[in-house]
C-alpha cells in the first residue's frame, strides 16, 4: 500500500473546526425560554433607547438652537444607563456563560465565556438598535413615503436628509456600552473568600497550586510534603495577624489545610454577613445633602432651576447607595426578639443577599421618587416632547423593575443548593414560600414609606 495514497472522499483532512466555538454557540442559542425572554427585554430596552437617541438627532436637524438639542441628548443618558444596567444583570444570570467543569478542556475558559457573554449582550442590543432605526425611518416616511404628521414632525425631521454616520454612531452607543459593561462585570477575578485569601498550597516538587489534591504515601515520602507543610505553617504564622485584622479567625487556614490533607477538595466556607455594607453611611450623607439643597432652593425662590435638579440627582444617588445597607438592616430586624425558624431563614437570606438585592431595589426607589418629583414639570415642556417623556419614563422604570426581578432570579439560583438541602432535610415547600413572602413584605414595609417621603420632599421645590 502506498504511503501517499489519497484519503477516502468521505474523510475530511486538515482543520475540522473549533469545538469550543460551536459549543459556545449551542449554549447561547439553546438556552431556556426564560433566558430568551430576558434577552428580548434587553433588545426592547435597546430599541427604546435607540429611538430616543434618533429623536434627539431629529430635533437637532429641525431646530437651529444647539443648546436645546444638547439638553435633549443629555436626557437620553438616563435611559442609556438603565438599559446598560439591565443588560449587565441579564448577562450575570445567563446560565450558558457560567463556568462549568470540563469546559476549559474544549477552549471555553473564564475569559472565553466572558467574551461569549459580551458578544451575546452586544447581539441583543444590536437587534434592538436595528429595530429602532427601522421604526424611525418608517415614521419619517423614508420607507413607505407616508410620514407621521402633527407635532411629531419636530423630532422626526421629516423631509430633511438623515445623516447616516451620525445615526449609526448614536445607535452604536447602546451595544458598545452594554457589551463593555458586561465584560467588565464578568471578567475573571482571583478567588477571594470572605475571610481573606486561602493559604497557598504546594503540589509535587514544591510546585505552586491553589487546589490541594490527594497524594499517595510514596509521594509523601519521596517529594518531601513535610517541607511543604512546614512552609505552610510558617506562612500561617506570618499571615495570622493580617487575618485577625480582617475579622477572620486565626485557625481558618489550619482548618483548610486539615481538610486538604484528608484528600477532599478545599471548601471555602460562605462569608458570614455580620457587618452591614459599607455604602450605608455614604448614602445617608448624600441623601441628606440632596434634601438640604432642595430645601435651600425652595427658600431662595429658585424652584425648577439647576440647583433643584442637582438636589434631585443627589437624592436619587443617596437612595441608590442606601439600598444594600437598608436591606441588611431589614434582615437583622427580622431576626430580633426571639425569632422562630421562619424569621431566621428570611432574615438570614436578606443579610446574605443584601448587596445583590439591595442595590437594584435602591435604584428602583430612586427612579420612583425622581419620576414623582419630575411629574410636576410636565406642563412646562413643549407638547412635542410629551410622548418622548412618557417613553423615557416607562423605559427607565421598566428597566429598573426588570433588573430587580432579574436580581431576584440570580439570588434564587445562588441559593439553589441550600434550598435543595433544606428540602432533603424535610423542610416543607410552604415554609420556603412563606419565608420568601415575609422577605418581600419586610422590604416593602421599609422601602415603601421611605420612597414616598423622599418623593414628597423632592417634589416640593420642583413644583414651585
Protein backbone atom coordinates (compact mmCIF):
# COMPACT_ATOMS: atom_id res chain seq x y z
CA UNK A 1 0.00 0.00 0.00
CA UNK A 2 1.40 3.39 -0.96
CA UNK A 3 2.05 5.90 1.81
CA UNK A 4 0.98 8.87 -0.32
CA UNK A 5 -2.34 7.36 -1.19
CA UNK A 6 -5.17 9.89 -1.18
CA UNK A 7 -7.64 9.62 1.69
CA UNK A 8 -11.17 8.41 1.07
CA UNK A 9 -13.60 11.02 -0.23
CA UNK A 10 -15.74 10.98 2.93
CA UNK A 11 -12.77 11.61 5.24
CA UNK A 12 -12.06 15.28 5.97
CA UNK A 13 -8.47 16.26 6.48
CA UNK A 14 -6.86 19.31 7.97
CA UNK A 15 -8.64 21.62 10.35
CA UNK A 16 -12.12 20.44 11.23
CA UNK A 17 -13.31 23.46 13.16
CA UNK A 18 -13.27 24.72 16.69
CA UNK A 19 -15.35 22.64 19.08
CA UNK A 20 -15.25 25.40 21.70
CA UNK A 21 -16.85 27.95 19.37
CA UNK A 22 -19.57 25.52 18.28
CA UNK A 23 -20.29 24.60 21.89
CA UNK A 24 -20.47 28.28 22.88
CA UNK A 25 -22.94 28.91 20.04
CA UNK A 26 -25.09 25.98 21.12
CA UNK A 27 -25.03 27.10 24.74
CA UNK A 28 -26.13 30.60 23.76
CA UNK A 29 -28.84 29.65 21.28
CA UNK A 30 -30.14 26.60 23.12
CA UNK A 31 -30.95 28.45 26.34
CA UNK A 32 -34.17 28.08 28.27
CA UNK A 33 -37.23 30.18 27.32
CA UNK A 34 -36.84 32.36 30.42
CA UNK A 35 -33.31 33.30 29.33
CA UNK A 36 -34.55 34.14 25.83
CA UNK A 37 -37.30 36.32 27.30
CA UNK A 38 -34.72 38.26 29.31
CA UNK A 39 -32.64 38.75 26.17
CA UNK A 40 -35.73 40.04 24.36
CA UNK A 41 -36.25 42.51 27.21
CA UNK A 42 -32.72 43.78 26.63
CA UNK A 43 -33.43 44.11 22.91
CA UNK A 44 -36.66 46.01 23.63
CA UNK A 45 -34.90 48.38 26.00
CA UNK A 46 -32.18 48.93 23.41
CA UNK A 47 -34.82 49.71 20.79
CA UNK A 48 -36.47 52.30 23.04
CA UNK A 49 -33.17 53.95 23.89
CA UNK A 50 -32.12 53.98 20.24
CA UNK A 51 -35.40 55.63 19.25
CA UNK A 52 -34.88 58.35 21.86
CA UNK A 53 -31.35 58.98 20.58
CA UNK A 54 -32.61 59.23 17.00
CA UNK A 55 -35.36 61.59 18.17
CA UNK A 56 -32.73 63.83 19.70
CA UNK A 57 -30.89 63.80 16.37
CA UNK A 58 -34.10 64.68 14.52
CA UNK A 59 -34.77 67.55 16.91
CA UNK A 60 -31.26 68.88 16.26
CA UNK A 61 -31.94 68.78 12.50
CA UNK A 62 -35.24 70.64 12.85
CA UNK A 63 -34.19 73.33 15.33
CA UNK A 64 -31.22 75.66 15.00
CA UNK A 65 -30.76 76.05 18.76
CA UNK A 66 -27.84 73.79 19.75
CA UNK A 67 -28.42 74.23 23.49
CA UNK A 68 -31.92 72.72 23.38
CA UNK A 69 -30.72 69.84 21.22
CA UNK A 70 -27.81 69.15 23.58
CA UNK A 71 -30.23 69.15 26.53
CA UNK A 72 -32.43 66.57 24.81
CA UNK A 73 -29.40 64.42 24.10
CA UNK A 74 -28.31 64.73 27.73
CA UNK A 75 -31.70 63.50 28.92
CA UNK A 76 -31.08 60.30 26.95
CA UNK A 77 -28.29 59.31 29.36
CA UNK A 78 -30.84 58.07 31.91
CA UNK A 79 -32.46 55.52 29.51
CA UNK A 80 -29.00 54.55 28.28
CA UNK A 81 -27.76 53.87 31.81
CA UNK A 82 -30.92 51.92 32.65
CA UNK A 83 -30.55 49.78 29.52
CA UNK A 84 -26.90 49.02 30.28
CA UNK A 85 -27.82 48.18 33.88
CA UNK A 86 -30.45 45.71 32.67
CA UNK A 87 -28.09 44.17 30.12
CA UNK A 88 -25.44 43.55 32.78
CA UNK A 89 -27.98 41.95 35.11
CA UNK A 90 -29.23 39.66 32.34
CA UNK A 91 -25.66 38.70 31.42
CA UNK A 92 -24.91 37.75 35.03
CA UNK A 93 -27.90 35.41 35.21
CA UNK A 94 -27.25 33.72 31.87
CA UNK A 95 -26.54 30.04 32.65
CA UNK A 96 -24.89 29.49 29.28
CA UNK A 97 -21.90 31.65 30.20
CA UNK A 98 -21.44 30.26 33.70
CA UNK A 99 -18.14 28.40 34.27
CA UNK A 100 -18.64 24.64 34.40
CA UNK A 101 -16.27 21.72 34.97
CA UNK A 102 -14.70 20.47 31.76
CA UNK A 103 -15.34 23.49 29.57
CA UNK A 104 -11.74 24.66 29.79
CA UNK A 105 -10.65 21.44 28.06
CA UNK A 106 -12.51 22.48 24.89
CA UNK A 107 -11.31 26.07 24.99
CA UNK A 108 -14.18 27.63 26.98
CA UNK A 109 -12.32 29.06 29.92
CA UNK A 110 -13.42 32.04 32.02
CA UNK A 111 -12.04 34.55 29.50
CA UNK A 112 -13.80 32.86 26.57
CA UNK A 113 -17.07 32.68 28.49
CA UNK A 114 -16.75 36.38 29.29
CA UNK A 115 -16.26 37.12 25.59
CA UNK A 116 -19.27 34.97 24.68
CA UNK A 117 -21.41 36.81 27.21
CA UNK A 118 -20.28 40.20 25.91
CA UNK A 119 -20.97 39.10 22.33
CA UNK A 120 -24.44 37.84 23.27
CA UNK A 121 -25.23 41.13 25.01
CA UNK A 122 -23.99 43.11 22.03
CA UNK A 123 -26.08 40.99 19.65
CA UNK A 124 -29.27 41.61 21.66
CA UNK A 125 -28.58 45.35 21.73
CA UNK A 126 -27.78 45.46 18.01
CA UNK A 127 -31.10 43.77 17.30
CA UNK A 128 -32.90 46.46 19.28
CA UNK A 129 -30.95 49.27 17.59
CA UNK A 130 -31.82 47.95 14.14
CA UNK A 131 -35.48 47.79 15.12
CA UNK A 132 -35.33 51.38 16.40
CA UNK A 133 -33.80 52.56 13.13
CA UNK A 134 -36.49 50.82 11.07
CA UNK A 135 -39.30 52.30 13.17
CA UNK A 136 -37.77 55.78 13.00
CA UNK A 137 -37.39 55.57 9.22
CA UNK A 138 -40.97 54.30 8.92
CA UNK A 139 -42.33 57.21 10.95
CA UNK A 140 -40.28 59.67 8.89
CA UNK A 141 -41.72 58.23 5.67
CA UNK A 142 -38.38 57.14 4.24
CA UNK A 143 -39.57 53.55 3.72
CA UNK A 144 -43.18 53.91 2.56
CA UNK A 145 -43.41 57.63 1.74
CA UNK A 146 -46.07 58.28 4.43
CA UNK A 147 -44.73 60.22 7.41
CA UNK A 148 -46.35 60.84 10.77
CA UNK A 149 -47.94 64.28 10.89
CA UNK A 150 -48.68 66.69 13.71
CA UNK A 151 -46.24 67.68 16.42
CA UNK A 152 -44.15 64.61 15.70
CA UNK A 153 -42.59 66.38 12.74
CA UNK A 154 -40.41 68.39 15.13
CA UNK A 155 -38.41 65.39 16.37
CA UNK A 156 -38.72 63.23 13.26
CA UNK A 157 -37.26 65.87 10.91
CA UNK A 158 -39.36 64.55 8.03
CA UNK A 159 -38.35 65.92 4.65
CA UNK A 160 -34.77 66.51 5.77
CA UNK A 161 -31.92 64.15 4.87
CA UNK A 162 -30.91 61.99 7.79
CA UNK A 163 -27.12 61.87 8.30
CA UNK A 164 -26.39 58.17 8.32
CA UNK A 165 -22.98 58.35 10.10
CA UNK A 166 -24.48 60.34 12.97
CA UNK A 167 -27.42 57.95 13.27
CA UNK A 168 -25.17 54.88 13.28
CA UNK A 169 -22.87 56.48 15.85
CA UNK A 170 -25.78 57.14 18.21
CA UNK A 171 -27.18 53.66 17.70
CA UNK A 172 -23.79 52.10 18.43
CA UNK A 173 -23.70 53.65 21.91
CA UNK A 174 -26.02 51.06 23.44
CA UNK A 175 -24.31 47.87 22.11
CA UNK A 176 -20.81 49.13 22.87
CA UNK A 177 -21.67 50.35 26.35
CA UNK A 178 -23.63 47.22 27.27
CA UNK A 179 -21.01 44.78 25.99
CA UNK A 180 -18.17 46.67 27.68
CA UNK A 181 -20.06 46.79 30.98
CA UNK A 182 -20.87 43.07 30.76
CA UNK A 183 -17.24 42.23 30.04
CA UNK A 184 -16.03 44.33 32.98
CA UNK A 185 -18.57 42.75 35.33
CA UNK A 186 -17.90 39.14 34.27
CA UNK A 187 -14.12 39.40 33.95
CA UNK A 188 -12.21 36.62 35.73
CA UNK A 189 -11.14 37.53 39.25
CA UNK A 190 -8.90 35.92 41.78
CA UNK A 191 -10.89 33.72 44.19
CA UNK A 192 -11.10 35.60 47.48
CA UNK A 193 -13.06 34.20 50.40
CA UNK A 194 -14.89 36.27 52.99
CA UNK A 195 -12.06 35.90 55.50
CA UNK A 196 -9.21 36.68 53.08
CA UNK A 197 -7.16 34.65 50.66
CA UNK A 198 -6.79 30.98 51.32
CA UNK A 199 -3.40 29.62 52.36
CA UNK A 200 -1.11 28.79 49.44
CA UNK A 201 -0.78 25.08 48.76
CA UNK A 202 2.04 23.17 47.10
CA UNK A 203 1.92 20.16 44.83
CA UNK A 204 4.65 17.83 43.70
CA UNK A 205 8.23 19.13 43.69
CA UNK A 206 7.06 22.23 45.55
CA UNK A 207 5.05 23.46 42.57
CA UNK A 208 2.54 26.20 43.35
CA UNK A 209 -1.11 25.27 43.07
CA UNK A 210 -4.41 26.50 44.51
CA UNK A 211 -6.35 23.26 44.88
CA UNK A 212 -4.80 20.69 47.21
CA UNK A 213 -5.22 17.12 45.95
CA UNK A 214 -4.69 13.69 47.44
CA UNK A 215 -1.16 12.35 47.19
CA UNK A 216 -0.04 8.78 47.68
CA UNK A 217 2.10 7.68 50.60
CA UNK A 218 5.07 7.23 48.30
CA UNK A 219 4.81 10.77 47.02
CA UNK A 220 4.57 11.91 50.63
CA UNK A 221 7.88 10.30 51.46
CA UNK A 222 9.73 10.96 48.21
CA UNK A 223 8.86 14.54 47.41
CA UNK A 224 9.01 16.00 50.90
CA UNK A 225 5.48 17.05 51.75
CA UNK A 226 6.74 17.63 55.26
CA UNK A 227 8.71 20.59 53.95
CA UNK A 228 5.61 21.89 52.24
CA UNK A 229 3.63 21.55 55.45
CA UNK A 230 6.38 23.38 57.36
CA UNK A 231 6.35 26.16 54.79
CA UNK A 232 2.59 26.44 55.11
CA UNK A 233 2.96 26.57 58.87
CA UNK A 234 5.44 29.43 58.65
CA UNK A 235 3.21 31.27 56.24
CA UNK A 236 0.21 30.76 58.50
CA UNK A 237 2.15 32.28 61.40
CA UNK A 238 3.01 35.34 59.35
CA UNK A 239 -0.48 35.75 57.89
CA UNK A 240 -2.35 35.23 61.16
CA UNK A 241 -2.18 38.90 62.28
CA UNK A 242 -3.45 40.07 58.89
CA UNK A 243 -6.40 37.67 59.07
CA UNK A 244 -7.21 38.77 62.59
CA UNK A 245 -7.28 42.38 61.43
CA UNK A 246 -9.74 41.42 58.71
CA UNK A 247 -12.02 39.80 61.28
CA UNK A 248 -11.23 36.18 60.37
CA UNK A 249 -10.20 33.57 62.95
CA UNK A 250 -6.52 32.67 63.05
CA UNK A 251 -7.15 28.95 62.67
CA UNK A 252 -9.07 29.27 59.38
CA UNK A 253 -6.06 28.22 57.33
CA UNK A 254 -5.37 25.32 59.68
CA UNK A 255 -8.88 24.01 59.17
CA UNK A 256 -8.50 24.34 55.41
CA UNK A 257 -5.16 22.57 55.50
CA UNK A 258 -6.63 19.74 57.58
CA UNK A 259 -9.38 19.21 55.10
CA UNK A 260 -6.93 19.25 52.23
CA UNK A 261 -4.70 16.69 53.97
CA UNK A 262 -7.60 14.26 54.00
CA UNK A 263 -7.76 14.44 50.24
CA UNK A 264 -11.05 16.28 49.94
CA UNK A 265 -11.12 19.49 47.89
CA UNK A 266 -10.62 22.68 49.84
CA UNK A 267 -14.07 24.12 50.51
CA UNK A 268 -14.18 27.79 51.41
CA UNK A 269 -16.99 28.46 53.91
CA UNK A 270 -19.50 31.11 52.89
CA UNK A 271 -18.88 34.54 54.40
CA UNK A 272 -20.93 35.35 57.46
CA UNK A 273 -22.83 38.60 56.79
CA UNK A 274 -22.40 40.10 60.25
CA UNK A 275 -21.39 43.59 59.11
CA UNK A 276 -23.54 45.98 57.13
CA UNK A 277 -22.43 47.07 53.63
CA UNK A 278 -20.06 50.00 53.67
CA UNK A 279 -22.24 52.26 51.49
CA UNK A 280 -24.89 52.96 54.11
CA UNK A 281 -23.21 55.97 55.82
CA UNK A 282 -22.25 57.50 52.48
CA UNK A 283 -25.76 57.01 51.15
CA UNK A 284 -27.32 58.68 54.17
CA UNK A 285 -24.90 61.59 53.84
CA UNK A 286 -25.59 62.08 50.12
CA UNK A 287 -29.35 61.79 50.71
CA UNK A 288 -29.20 64.41 53.46
CA UNK A 289 -27.16 66.77 51.26
CA UNK A 290 -29.63 66.37 48.40
CA UNK A 291 -32.61 67.16 50.61
CA UNK A 292 -30.76 70.14 52.06
CA UNK A 293 -30.03 71.51 48.60
CA UNK A 294 -33.67 71.14 47.60
CA UNK A 295 -34.84 72.87 50.78
CA UNK A 296 -32.40 75.71 50.14
CA UNK A 297 -33.67 76.22 46.59
CA UNK A 298 -37.26 76.39 47.84
CA UNK A 299 -36.36 79.11 50.36
CA UNK A 300 -34.37 81.21 47.87
CA UNK A 301 -37.16 81.09 45.27
CA UNK A 302 -35.17 79.24 42.58
CA UNK A 303 -37.62 76.38 42.10
CA UNK A 304 -37.05 74.44 38.92
CA UNK A 305 -33.53 75.78 38.47
CA UNK A 306 -30.26 73.90 38.14
CA UNK A 307 -29.82 73.77 41.92
CA UNK A 308 -33.13 71.94 42.31
CA UNK A 309 -32.13 69.36 39.71
CA UNK A 310 -28.77 68.94 41.43
CA UNK A 311 -30.58 68.25 44.70
CA UNK A 312 -32.84 65.74 42.95
CA UNK A 313 -29.83 63.96 41.46
CA UNK A 314 -28.09 63.78 44.85
CA UNK A 315 -31.27 62.48 46.48
CA UNK A 316 -31.62 59.74 43.87
CA UNK A 317 -27.96 58.79 44.27
CA UNK A 318 -28.37 58.62 48.04
CA UNK A 319 -31.37 56.30 47.73
CA UNK A 320 -29.42 54.03 45.41
CA UNK A 321 -26.49 53.90 47.84
CA UNK A 322 -28.51 53.11 50.96
CA UNK A 323 -30.29 50.15 49.35
CA UNK A 324 -27.83 47.37 50.35
CA UNK A 325 -27.41 48.72 53.87
CA UNK A 326 -31.15 49.01 54.49
CA UNK A 327 -31.69 45.51 53.12
CA UNK A 328 -29.09 44.17 55.55
CA UNK A 329 -30.74 46.11 58.38
CA UNK A 330 -34.13 44.71 57.40
CA UNK A 331 -32.75 41.17 57.63
CA UNK A 332 -31.25 41.89 61.04
CA UNK A 333 -34.55 43.30 62.32
CA UNK A 334 -36.38 40.19 61.16
CA UNK A 335 -34.17 38.08 63.42
CA UNK A 336 -34.59 40.28 66.50
CA UNK A 337 -36.61 39.45 69.65
CA UNK A 338 -36.68 35.64 69.88
CA UNK A 339 -37.17 34.71 66.21
CA UNK A 340 -38.53 31.42 65.01
CA UNK A 341 -37.31 29.28 62.15
CA UNK A 342 -39.29 31.24 59.57
CA UNK A 343 -37.93 34.64 60.63
CA UNK A 344 -34.41 33.26 60.97
CA UNK A 345 -34.49 31.87 57.44
CA UNK A 346 -35.96 35.05 55.92
CA UNK A 347 -33.60 37.37 57.79
CA UNK A 348 -30.52 35.30 57.05
CA UNK A 349 -31.23 35.31 53.33
CA UNK A 350 -31.75 39.08 53.36
CA UNK A 351 -28.46 39.62 55.15
CA UNK A 352 -26.63 37.33 52.76
CA UNK A 353 -28.16 38.83 49.61
CA UNK A 354 -28.09 42.45 50.76
CA UNK A 355 -25.70 43.59 48.04
CA UNK A 356 -27.34 41.56 45.25
CA UNK A 357 -30.94 42.58 46.01
CA UNK A 358 -30.49 45.86 47.86
CA UNK A 359 -28.67 47.71 45.09
CA UNK A 360 -31.36 47.30 42.37
CA UNK A 361 -34.05 47.86 45.00
CA UNK A 362 -32.46 51.18 45.92
CA UNK A 363 -32.28 52.10 42.23
CA UNK A 364 -36.00 51.34 41.84
CA UNK A 365 -36.80 53.58 44.81
CA UNK A 366 -34.62 56.34 43.36
CA UNK A 367 -36.35 56.11 39.97
CA UNK A 368 -39.84 56.17 41.54
CA UNK A 369 -39.06 59.20 43.69
CA UNK A 370 -37.41 61.05 40.79
CA UNK A 371 -40.32 60.29 38.46
CA UNK A 372 -42.81 61.56 41.04
CA UNK A 373 -40.78 64.74 41.50
CA UNK A 374 -40.37 65.32 37.77
CA UNK A 375 -44.10 64.91 37.16
CA UNK A 376 -44.59 68.49 38.36
CA UNK A 377 -42.50 69.73 35.40
CA UNK A 378 -44.57 68.02 32.73
CA UNK A 379 -46.74 71.05 31.99
CA UNK A 380 -43.68 73.23 31.35
CA UNK A 381 -42.44 71.10 28.47
CA UNK A 382 -43.48 71.66 24.90
CA UNK A 383 -46.24 69.40 23.55
CA UNK A 384 -43.93 67.63 21.12
CA UNK A 385 -41.86 66.23 23.98
CA UNK A 386 -44.87 64.64 25.71
CA UNK A 387 -44.72 61.19 24.04
CA UNK A 388 -40.95 61.10 24.31
CA UNK A 389 -41.06 61.93 28.03
CA UNK A 390 -43.59 59.16 28.61
CA UNK A 391 -41.45 56.74 26.60
CA UNK A 392 -38.34 57.67 28.56
CA UNK A 393 -40.04 57.34 31.94
CA UNK A 394 -41.57 53.99 31.02
CA UNK A 395 -38.25 52.78 29.67
CA UNK A 396 -36.27 53.72 32.79
CA UNK A 397 -38.92 52.37 35.16
CA UNK A 398 -39.31 49.14 33.19
CA UNK A 399 -35.56 48.55 33.04
CA UNK A 400 -35.09 49.09 36.78
CA UNK A 401 -38.00 46.83 37.71
CA UNK A 402 -36.78 44.16 35.29
CA UNK A 403 -33.30 44.45 36.80
CA UNK A 404 -34.75 43.93 40.29
CA UNK A 405 -36.63 40.84 39.15
CA UNK A 406 -33.50 39.55 37.43
CA UNK A 407 -31.53 40.06 40.65
CA UNK A 408 -34.18 38.05 42.49
CA UNK A 409 -33.74 35.25 39.95
CA UNK A 410 -29.97 35.42 40.43
CA UNK A 411 -30.38 35.18 44.21
CA UNK A 412 -32.65 32.17 43.77
CA UNK A 413 -30.05 30.49 41.58
CA UNK A 414 -27.33 31.23 44.12
CA UNK A 415 -29.35 29.56 46.90
CA UNK A 416 -30.48 26.59 44.82
CA UNK A 417 -28.14 24.20 46.66
CA UNK A 418 -29.26 25.49 50.06
CA UNK A 419 -32.92 25.13 49.09
CA UNK A 420 -32.31 21.58 47.86
CA UNK A 421 -30.55 20.71 51.12
CA UNK A 422 -33.44 22.08 53.16
CA UNK A 423 -35.91 20.02 51.16
CA UNK A 424 -33.83 16.89 51.63
CA UNK A 425 -33.85 17.54 55.36
CA UNK A 426 -37.66 17.60 55.33
CA UNK A 427 -38.45 21.31 55.21
CA UNK A 428 -41.90 21.77 53.65
CA UNK A 429 -42.19 23.80 50.48
CA UNK A 430 -44.79 26.04 52.12
CA UNK A 431 -42.22 27.20 54.67
CA UNK A 432 -39.86 28.33 51.93
CA UNK A 433 -42.67 30.20 50.18
CA UNK A 434 -43.72 31.88 53.42
CA UNK A 435 -40.12 32.91 54.04
CA UNK A 436 -39.96 34.50 50.57
CA UNK A 437 -43.26 36.31 51.18
CA UNK A 438 -42.00 37.53 54.56
CA UNK A 439 -38.86 38.93 52.95
CA UNK A 440 -40.89 40.76 50.31
CA UNK A 441 -43.27 42.19 52.92
CA UNK A 442 -40.41 43.36 55.13
CA UNK A 443 -38.68 45.11 52.23
CA UNK A 444 -41.92 46.75 51.14
CA UNK A 445 -42.63 47.95 54.67
CA UNK A 446 -39.18 49.54 54.93
CA UNK A 447 -38.62 50.95 51.44
CA UNK A 448 -42.21 51.99 50.67
CA UNK A 449 -42.61 54.80 53.25
CA UNK A 450 -39.03 55.92 52.65
CA UNK A 451 -39.63 56.29 48.92
CA UNK A 452 -42.88 58.19 49.44
CA UNK A 453 -41.30 60.58 51.94
CA UNK A 454 -38.29 61.32 49.75
CA UNK A 455 -40.51 61.77 46.69
CA UNK A 456 -42.71 64.30 48.51
CA UNK A 457 -39.69 66.24 49.77
CA UNK A 458 -38.13 66.23 46.30
CA UNK A 459 -41.32 67.35 44.51
CA UNK A 460 -41.81 70.32 46.82
CA UNK A 461 -39.05 72.60 45.42
CA UNK A 462 -39.58 71.48 41.80
CA UNK A 463 -43.30 72.15 41.91
CA UNK A 464 -42.82 75.79 42.71
